[in-house]
Amino acid sequence: MLKVDDLHVSYGKIRAVNGVSMEVKRGEIVSLVGANGAGKSTLVNSIMGLIEIQRGRIELAGKDITHSPPWIRARMGMVLVPESGRIFTSMSVMENLELGAYLINDRVKFKQRLDFVLSLFPRLAERRKQIASTLSGGEKQMLAIGRALMMDPKILLLDEVSLGLMPKLVDEIFEVIFNLKKTGLTILLAEQNTKKALEISDRTYVLQNGKVVKHGESSLLMADPEIKRAYLGV
């Protein structure tokens, strides 16, 4: 579904992503883990086309999208939930969800997507008329994910969805992500909570200073002594 080859991204003289190559197969959850500043968010935003790359190639479903603008990638089925969600706080929950479906012109499909999202997040159904700014932190993150799912994505990019959430809400969000995989959705997850990311993903890439230093099946990395010591605190 997604293939990244030798990607390089710089902020001035700072090399944020340094020769990253990776792939996400159809129906997989692939996680990107690493310390703060490792390059996770920069990589995800570059894949979405929000940050200019210096070198490399990005393919979506076999098509070269390296120089495609973000809205073209969105029309092709790539949807991003950015760090902190970035919902429209002055709008209602329902209005945010409607904006997520701006490419859907079929009323029947819109209703199907809405029913699906509200079944995943019953609290959004209860608060559909509520102004988004009044939601709790966890509810705002649910709304950000729900808004992205309204687009009916082929691949969902998630950037730090657990950031700032209480442990109970983190568990809820990750349960939803795992259940989304059961629907066949392909997911790329950039996440600071390494333990949770490894638990729900099929494969993982470990970033350090903008480079992939380890990658493989998540279950095997979970048992890797270096990973346990550096990221799991054991």
C-alpha atoms as a PDB file:
ATOM      1  CA  MET A   1       0.000   0.000   0.000  1.00  0.00           C
ATOM      2  CA  LEU A   2       2.818   2.401   0.912  1.00  0.00           C
ATOM      3  CA  LYS A   3       6.479   2.331  -0.020  1.00  0.00           C
ATOM      4  CA  VAL A   4       9.101   4.878   1.041  1.00  0.00           C
ATOM      5  CA  ASP A   5      12.570   4.728  -0.476  1.00  0.00           C
ATOM      6  CA  ASP A   6      15.648   6.642   0.740  1.00  0.00           C
ATOM      7  CA  LEU A   7      13.729   9.618   2.117  1.00  0.00           C
ATOM      8  CA  HIS A   8      15.689  12.700   3.218  1.00  0.00           C
ATOM      9  CA  VAL A   9      14.166  15.734   4.975  1.00  0.00           C
ATOM     10  CA  SER A  10      16.052  18.692   6.459  1.00  0.00           C
ATOM     11  CA  TYR A  11      15.196  21.774   8.483  1.00  0.00           C
ATOM     12  CA  GLY A  12      18.013  24.083   7.433  1.00  0.00           C
ATOM     13  CA  LYS A  13      21.209  22.268   8.394  1.00  0.00           C
ATOM     14  CA  ILE A  14      19.371  19.811  10.628  1.00  0.00           C
ATOM     15  CA  ARG A  15      18.742  16.427   8.987  1.00  0.00           C
ATOM     16  CA  ALA A  16      15.407  15.279  10.463  1.00  0.00           C
ATOM     17  CA  VAL A  17      14.929  12.224   8.234  1.00  0.00           C
ATOM     18  CA  ASN A  18      18.072  10.616   6.902  1.00  0.00           C
ATOM     19  CA  GLY A  19      17.673   7.949   4.246  1.00  0.00           C
ATOM     20  CA  VAL A  20      14.571   6.188   5.577  1.00  0.00           C
ATOM     21  CA  SER A  21      13.186   3.282   3.568  1.00  0.00           C
ATOM     22  CA  MET A  22      10.090   1.407   4.688  1.00  0.00           C
ATOM     23  CA  GLU A  23       6.868  -0.173   3.499  1.00  0.00           C
ATOM     24  CA  VAL A  24       3.359  -0.814   4.746  1.00  0.00           C
ATOM     25  CA  LYS A  25       1.533  -3.765   3.251  1.00  0.00           C
ATOM     26  CA  ARG A  26      -2.205  -3.746   2.632  1.00  0.00           C
ATOM     27  CA  GLY A  27      -4.148  -4.504   5.832  1.00  0.00           C
ATOM     28  CA  GLU A  28      -1.164  -4.097   8.161  1.00  0.00           C
ATOM     29  CA  ILE A  29      -0.595  -1.907  11.183  1.00  0.00           C
ATOM     30  CA  VAL A  30       2.994  -0.685  11.008  1.00  0.00           C
ATOM     31  CA  SER A  31       4.362   1.419  13.844  1.00  0.00           C
ATOM     32  CA  LEU A  32       7.121   4.024  13.952  1.00  0.00           C
ATOM     33  CA  VAL A  33       8.680   4.336  17.398  1.00  0.00           C
ATOM     34  CA  GLY A  34      11.580   6.235  18.864  1.00  0.00           C
ATOM     35  CA  ALA A  35      12.456   8.950  21.329  1.00  0.00           C
ATOM     36  CA  ASN A  36      11.192  12.515  20.999  1.00  0.00           C
ATOM     37  CA  GLY A  37      13.046  14.158  18.116  1.00  0.00           C
ATOM     38  CA  ALA A  38      13.776  10.857  16.390  1.00  0.00           C
ATOM     39  CA  GLY A  39      11.940  11.997  13.250  1.00  0.00           C
ATOM     40  CA  LYS A  40       8.612  10.159  13.545  1.00  0.00           C
ATOM     41  CA  SER A  41       6.300  13.116  12.991  1.00  0.00           C
ATOM     42  CA  THR A  42       8.510  14.594  10.276  1.00  0.00           C
ATOM     43  CA  LEU A  43       8.434  11.278   8.415  1.00  0.00           C
ATOM     44  CA  VAL A  44       4.643  10.970   8.645  1.00  0.00           C
ATOM     45  CA  ASN A  45       4.083  14.579   7.564  1.00  0.00           C
ATOM     46  CA  SER A  46       6.488  14.093   4.657  1.00  0.00           C
ATOM     47  CA  ILE A  47       4.575  11.015   3.533  1.00  0.00           C
ATOM     48  CA  MET A  48       1.375  13.096   3.606  1.00  0.00           C
ATOM     49  CA  GLY A  49       3.072  15.790   1.520  1.00  0.00           C
ATOM     50  CA  LEU A  50       2.991  18.470   4.216  1.00  0.00           C
ATOM     51  CA  ILE A  51       6.789  18.793   4.378  1.00  0.00           C
ATOM     52  CA  GLU A  52       9.047  19.106   1.355  1.00  0.00           C
ATOM     53  CA  ILE A  53      11.579  16.327   0.926  1.00  0.00           C
ATOM     54  CA  GLN A  54      15.119  16.763  -0.385  1.00  0.00           C
ATOM     55  CA  ARG A  55      15.504  13.296  -1.835  1.00  0.00           C
ATOM     56  CA  GLY A  56      13.684   9.996  -2.068  1.00  0.00           C
ATOM     57  CA  ARG A  57      10.536   8.410  -3.457  1.00  0.00           C
ATOM     58  CA  ILE A  58       7.072   7.716  -2.058  1.00  0.00           C
ATOM     59  CA  GLU A  59       4.593   5.301  -3.641  1.00  0.00           C
ATOM     60  CA  LEU A  60       0.937   4.774  -2.741  1.00  0.00           C
ATOM     61  CA  ALA A  61      -0.633   1.583  -4.092  1.00  0.00           C
ATOM     62  CA  GLY A  62       2.135   1.398  -6.704  1.00  0.00           C
ATOM     63  CA  LYS A  63       1.774   5.012  -7.905  1.00  0.00           C
ATOM     64  CA  ASP A  64       4.536   7.588  -7.489  1.00  0.00           C
ATOM     65  CA  ILE A  65       3.222  10.380  -5.238  1.00  0.00           C
ATOM     66  CA  THR A  66       6.607  11.901  -4.357  1.00  0.00           C
ATOM     67  CA  HIS A  67       5.686  15.305  -5.751  1.00  0.00           C
ATOM     68  CA  SER A  68       1.902  15.113  -5.374  1.00  0.00           C
ATOM     69  CA  PRO A  69       0.289  17.771  -3.139  1.00  0.00           C
ATOM     70  CA  PRO A  70      -1.507  16.653   0.038  1.00  0.00           C
ATOM     71  CA  TRP A  71      -5.010  17.011  -1.432  1.00  0.00           C
ATOM     72  CA  ILE A  72      -4.140  14.633  -4.269  1.00  0.00           C
ATOM     73  CA  ARG A  73      -2.873  12.097  -1.739  1.00  0.00           C
ATOM     74  CA  ALA A  74      -6.112  12.541   0.218  1.00  0.00           C
ATOM     75  CA  ARG A  75      -8.179  11.909  -2.923  1.00  0.00           C
ATOM     76  CA  MET A  76      -6.131   8.736  -3.464  1.00  0.00           C
ATOM     77  CA  GLY A  77      -7.111   7.486  -0.013  1.00  0.00           C
ATOM     78  CA  MET A  78      -4.309   8.669   2.307  1.00  0.00           C
ATOM     79  CA  VAL A  79      -5.646  10.408   5.409  1.00  0.00           C
ATOM     80  CA  LEU A  80      -3.703  11.879   8.341  1.00  0.00           C
ATOM     81  CA  VAL A  81      -4.673  12.351  11.974  1.00  0.00           C
ATOM     82  CA  PRO A  82      -2.054  14.956  12.953  1.00  0.00           C
ATOM     83  CA  GLU A  83      -0.427  15.320  16.342  1.00  0.00           C
ATOM     84  CA  SER A  84      -2.911  16.927  18.786  1.00  0.00           C
ATOM     85  CA  GLY A  85      -5.778  16.117  16.401  1.00  0.00           C
ATOM     86  CA  ARG A  86      -6.340  19.704  15.217  1.00  0.00           C
ATOM     87  CA  ILE A  87     -10.105  19.539  15.203  1.00  0.00           C
ATOM     88  CA  PHE A  88     -12.217  22.587  14.344  1.00  0.00           C
ATOM     89  CA  THR A  89     -12.917  23.745  17.891  1.00  0.00           C
ATOM     90  CA  SER A  90     -15.551  26.361  17.030  1.00  0.00           C
ATOM     91  CA  MET A  91     -17.683  23.804  15.191  1.00  0.00           C
ATOM     92  CA  SER A  92     -19.887  21.057  16.563  1.00  0.00           C
ATOM     93  CA  VAL A  93     -18.914  17.404  16.668  1.00  0.00           C
ATOM     94  CA  MET A  94     -21.275  16.707  13.771  1.00  0.00           C
ATOM     95  CA  GLU A  95     -19.870  19.565  11.675  1.00  0.00           C
ATOM     96  CA  ASN A  96     -16.340  18.215  12.172  1.00  0.00           C
ATOM     97  CA  LEU A  97     -17.456  14.782  11.000  1.00  0.00           C
ATOM     98  CA  GLU A  98     -19.249  16.272   7.987  1.00  0.00           C
ATOM     99  CA  LEU A  99     -16.059  18.108   6.978  1.00  0.00           C
ATOM    100  CA  GLY A 100     -14.196  14.820   7.145  1.00  0.00           C
ATOM    101  CA  ALA A 101     -16.517  13.474   4.459  1.00  0.00           C
ATOM    102  CA  TYR A 102     -16.172  16.406   2.060  1.00  0.00           C
ATOM    103  CA  LEU A 103     -15.146  14.082  -0.800  1.00  0.00           C
ATOM    104  CA  ILE A 104     -18.180  11.837  -0.357  1.00  0.00           C
ATOM    105  CA  ASN A 105     -21.097  12.926  -2.548  1.00  0.00           C
ATOM    106  CA  ASP A 106     -23.238   9.815  -2.067  1.00  0.00           C
ATOM    107  CA  ARG A 107     -25.750  10.338   0.776  1.00  0.00           C
ATOM    108  CA  VAL A 108     -26.067   6.597   1.368  1.00  0.00           C
ATOM    109  CA  LYS A 109     -22.302   6.189   1.715  1.00  0.00           C
ATOM    110  CA  PHE A 110     -22.137   9.247   3.978  1.00  0.00           C
ATOM    111  CA  LYS A 111     -24.756   7.693   6.278  1.00  0.00           C
ATOM    112  CA  GLN A 112     -22.845   4.405   6.294  1.00  0.00           C
ATOM    113  CA  ARG A 113     -19.586   6.139   7.225  1.00  0.00           C
ATOM    114  CA  LEU A 114     -21.296   8.194   9.932  1.00  0.00           C
ATOM    115  CA  ASP A 115     -22.970   5.127  11.445  1.00  0.00           C
ATOM    116  CA  PHE A 116     -19.622   3.306  11.385  1.00  0.00           C
ATOM    117  CA  VAL A 117     -17.748   6.139  13.115  1.00  0.00           C
ATOM    118  CA  LEU A 118     -20.425   6.641  15.762  1.00  0.00           C
ATOM    119  CA  SER A 119     -20.454   2.902  16.473  1.00  0.00           C
ATOM    120  CA  LEU A 120     -16.708   3.088  17.127  1.00  0.00           C
ATOM    121  CA  PHE A 121     -17.069   6.177  19.333  1.00  0.00           C
ATOM    122  CA  PRO A 122     -20.483   6.146  21.074  1.00  0.00           C
ATOM    123  CA  ARG A 123     -19.477   9.242  23.057  1.00  0.00           C
ATOM    124  CA  LEU A 124     -19.361  11.234  19.833  1.00  0.00           C
ATOM    125  CA  ALA A 125     -22.927  10.141  19.118  1.00  0.00           C
ATOM    126  CA  GLU A 126     -23.973  11.461  22.544  1.00  0.00           C
ATOM    127  CA  ARG A 127     -22.206  14.771  21.879  1.00  0.00           C
ATOM    128  CA  ARG A 128     -22.896  15.277  18.198  1.00  0.00           C
ATOM    129  CA  LYS A 129     -24.428  18.740  18.758  1.00  0.00           C
ATOM    130  CA  GLN A 130     -21.769  19.797  21.264  1.00  0.00           C
ATOM    131  CA  ILE A 131     -19.147  22.423  20.331  1.00  0.00           C
ATOM    132  CA  ALA A 132     -15.814  20.627  19.878  1.00  0.00           C
ATOM    133  CA  SER A 133     -13.904  23.004  22.159  1.00  0.00           C
ATOM    134  CA  THR A 134     -15.932  21.736  25.137  1.00  0.00           C
ATOM    135  CA  LEU A 135     -14.885  18.109  24.678  1.00  0.00           C
ATOM    136  CA  SER A 136     -12.353  16.395  26.940  1.00  0.00           C
ATOM    137  CA  GLY A 137      -8.876  15.647  25.602  1.00  0.00           C
ATOM    138  CA  GLY A 138      -9.783  12.037  24.926  1.00  0.00           C
ATOM    139  CA  GLU A 139     -13.015  12.971  23.179  1.00  0.00           C
ATOM    140  CA  LYS A 140     -11.161  15.458  20.969  1.00  0.00           C
ATOM    141  CA  GLN A 141      -8.783  12.694  19.903  1.00  0.00           C
ATOM    142  CA  MET A 142     -11.718  10.405  19.179  1.00  0.00           C
ATOM    143  CA  LEU A 143     -13.235  13.162  17.060  1.00  0.00           C
ATOM    144  CA  ALA A 144      -9.971  13.657  15.147  1.00  0.00           C
ATOM    145  CA  ILE A 145      -9.810   9.946  14.346  1.00  0.00           C
ATOM    146  CA  GLY A 146     -13.519   9.822  13.538  1.00  0.00           C
ATOM    147  CA  ARG A 147     -13.227  12.797  11.193  1.00  0.00           C
ATOM    148  CA  ALA A 148     -10.402  11.021   9.333  1.00  0.00           C
ATOM    149  CA  LEU A 149     -12.405   7.810   9.084  1.00  0.00           C
ATOM    150  CA  MET A 150     -15.322   9.682   7.512  1.00  0.00           C
ATOM    151  CA  MET A 151     -13.114   9.970   4.399  1.00  0.00           C
ATOM    152  CA  ASP A 152     -13.154   6.143   4.055  1.00  0.00           C
ATOM    153  CA  PRO A 153      -9.341   6.012   3.801  1.00  0.00           C
ATOM    154  CA  LYS A 154      -7.255   3.303   2.173  1.00  0.00           C
ATOM    155  CA  ILE A 155      -4.398   4.093   4.546  1.00  0.00           C
ATOM    156  CA  LEU A 156      -4.667   5.966   7.825  1.00  0.00           C
ATOM    157  CA  LEU A 157      -1.643   7.855   9.179  1.00  0.00           C
ATOM    158  CA  LEU A 158      -1.778   8.389  12.938  1.00  0.00           C
ATOM    159  CA  ASP A 159       0.672  10.780  14.584  1.00  0.00           C
ATOM    160  CA  GLU A 160       1.063  10.518  18.370  1.00  0.00           C
ATOM    161  CA  VAL A 161      -2.578   9.700  19.122  1.00  0.00           C
ATOM    162  CA  SER A 162      -1.864   8.894  22.791  1.00  0.00           C
ATOM    163  CA  LEU A 163      -0.089  12.176  23.542  1.00  0.00           C
ATOM    164  CA  GLY A 164      -1.420  13.782  26.730  1.00  0.00           C
ATOM    165  CA  LEU A 165      -4.160  11.218  27.342  1.00  0.00           C
ATOM    166  CA  MET A 166      -4.874   9.387  30.587  1.00  0.00           C
ATOM    167  CA  PRO A 167      -3.933   5.669  30.583  1.00  0.00           C
ATOM    168  CA  LYS A 168      -7.571   4.515  30.461  1.00  0.00           C
ATOM    169  CA  LEU A 169      -8.234   6.636  27.378  1.00  0.00           C
ATOM    170  CA  VAL A 170      -5.009   5.432  25.773  1.00  0.00           C
ATOM    171  CA  ASP A 171      -6.290   1.865  26.167  1.00  0.00           C
ATOM    172  CA  GLU A 172      -9.603   2.831  24.541  1.00  0.00           C
ATOM    173  CA  ILE A 173      -7.938   4.548  21.581  1.00  0.00           C
ATOM    174  CA  PHE A 174      -5.591   1.641  20.935  1.00  0.00           C
ATOM    175  CA  GLU A 175      -8.447  -0.847  21.144  1.00  0.00           C
ATOM    176  CA  VAL A 176     -10.236   1.131  18.428  1.00  0.00           C
ATOM    177  CA  ILE A 177      -7.091   1.176  16.263  1.00  0.00           C
ATOM    178  CA  PHE A 178      -6.714  -2.594  16.647  1.00  0.00           C
ATOM    179  CA  ASN A 179     -10.380  -3.115  15.741  1.00  0.00           C
ATOM    180  CA  LEU A 180      -9.931  -0.949  12.639  1.00  0.00           C
ATOM    181  CA  LYS A 181      -7.319  -3.399  11.401  1.00  0.00           C
ATOM    182  CA  LYS A 182      -9.990  -6.121  11.528  1.00  0.00           C
ATOM    183  CA  THR A 183     -11.975  -4.125   8.939  1.00  0.00           C
ATOM    184  CA  GLY A 184      -9.022  -4.354   6.524  1.00  0.00           C
ATOM    185  CA  LEU A 185      -7.809  -0.790   6.987  1.00  0.00           C
ATOM    186  CA  THR A 186      -4.087  -0.182   6.498  1.00  0.00           C
ATOM    187  CA  ILE A 187      -2.522   1.907   9.288  1.00  0.00           C
ATOM    188  CA  LEU A 188       0.804   3.664   9.813  1.00  0.00           C
ATOM    189  CA  LEU A 189       1.168   4.600  13.472  1.00  0.00           C
ATOM    190  CA  ALA A 190       3.839   7.039  14.716  1.00  0.00           C
ATOM    191  CA  GLU A 191       3.724   6.682  18.464  1.00  0.00           C
ATOM    192  CA  GLN A 192       5.628   7.656  21.611  1.00  0.00           C
ATOM    193  CA  ASN A 193       3.995   4.857  23.632  1.00  0.00           C
ATOM    194  CA  THR A 194       6.294   2.110  22.394  1.00  0.00           C
ATOM    195  CA  LYS A 195       4.713  -0.673  24.430  1.00  0.00           C
ATOM    196  CA  LYS A 196       1.218  -0.020  23.098  1.00  0.00           C
ATOM    197  CA  ALA A 197       2.489   0.416  19.540  1.00  0.00           C
ATOM    198  CA  LEU A 198       4.345  -2.889  19.639  1.00  0.00           C
ATOM    199  CA  GLU A 199       1.334  -4.674  21.144  1.00  0.00           C
ATOM    200  CA  ILE A 200      -1.089  -3.816  18.334  1.00  0.00           C
ATOM    201  CA  SER A 201       1.158  -3.552  15.258  1.00  0.00           C
ATOM    202  CA  ASP A 202       2.321  -6.247  12.851  1.00  0.00           C
ATOM    203  CA  ARG A 203       5.713  -4.699  12.174  1.00  0.00           C
ATOM    204  CA  THR A 204       7.716  -1.829  13.631  1.00  0.00           C
ATOM    205  CA  TYR A 205      10.441   0.562  12.491  1.00  0.00           C
ATOM    206  CA  VAL A 206      12.600   2.076  15.228  1.00  0.00           C
ATOM    207  CA  LEU A 207      13.883   5.576  14.414  1.00  0.00           C
ATOM    208  CA  GLN A 208      16.894   7.253  15.952  1.00  0.00           C
ATOM    209  CA  ASN A 209      18.251  10.593  14.755  1.00  0.00           C
ATOM    210  CA  GLY A 210      16.204  10.328  11.582  1.00  0.00           C
ATOM    211  CA  LYS A 211      17.437   6.851  10.676  1.00  0.00           C
ATOM    212  CA  VAL A 212      15.891   3.381  10.908  1.00  0.00           C
ATOM    213  CA  VAL A 213      18.079   1.529  13.409  1.00  0.00           C
ATOM    214  CA  LYS A 214      15.901  -1.571  13.785  1.00  0.00           C
ATOM    215  CA  HIS A 215      12.864  -3.012  12.066  1.00  0.00           C
ATOM    216  CA  GLY A 216      10.982  -6.267  12.083  1.00  0.00           C
ATOM    217  CA  GLU A 217       7.974  -8.085  13.476  1.00  0.00           C
ATOM    218  CA  SER A 218       6.635  -6.237  16.495  1.00  0.00           C
ATOM    219  CA  SER A 219       6.376  -9.397  18.596  1.00  0.00           C
ATOM    220  CA  LEU A 220      10.085 -10.076  18.077  1.00  0.00           C
ATOM    221  CA  LEU A 221      11.095  -6.485  18.805  1.00  0.00           C
ATOM    222  CA  MET A 222       9.037  -6.618  22.006  1.00  0.00           C
ATOM    223  CA  ALA A 223      11.447  -9.318  23.231  1.00  0.00           C
ATOM    224  CA  ASP A 224      14.597  -7.584  21.954  1.00  0.00           C
ATOM    225  CA  PRO A 225      16.851  -6.716  24.943  1.00  0.00           C
ATOM    226  CA  GLU A 226      17.910  -3.372  23.428  1.00  0.00           C
ATOM    227  CA  ILE A 227      14.322  -2.338  22.769  1.00  0.00           C
ATOM    228  CA  LYS A 228      13.234  -3.441  26.239  1.00  0.00           C
ATOM    229  CA  ARG A 229      16.024  -1.465  27.865  1.00  0.00           C
ATOM    230  CA  ALA A 230      15.735   1.687  25.728  1.00  0.00           C
ATOM    231  CA  TYR A 231      11.973   2.006  25.244  1.00  0.00           C
ATOM    232  CA  LEU A 232      10.085  -0.332  27.560  1.00  0.00           C
ATOM    233  CA  GLY A 233      11.892   0.399  30.821  1.00  0.00           C
ATOM    234  CA  VAL A 234      12.640  -3.255  31.581  1.00  0.00           C
END
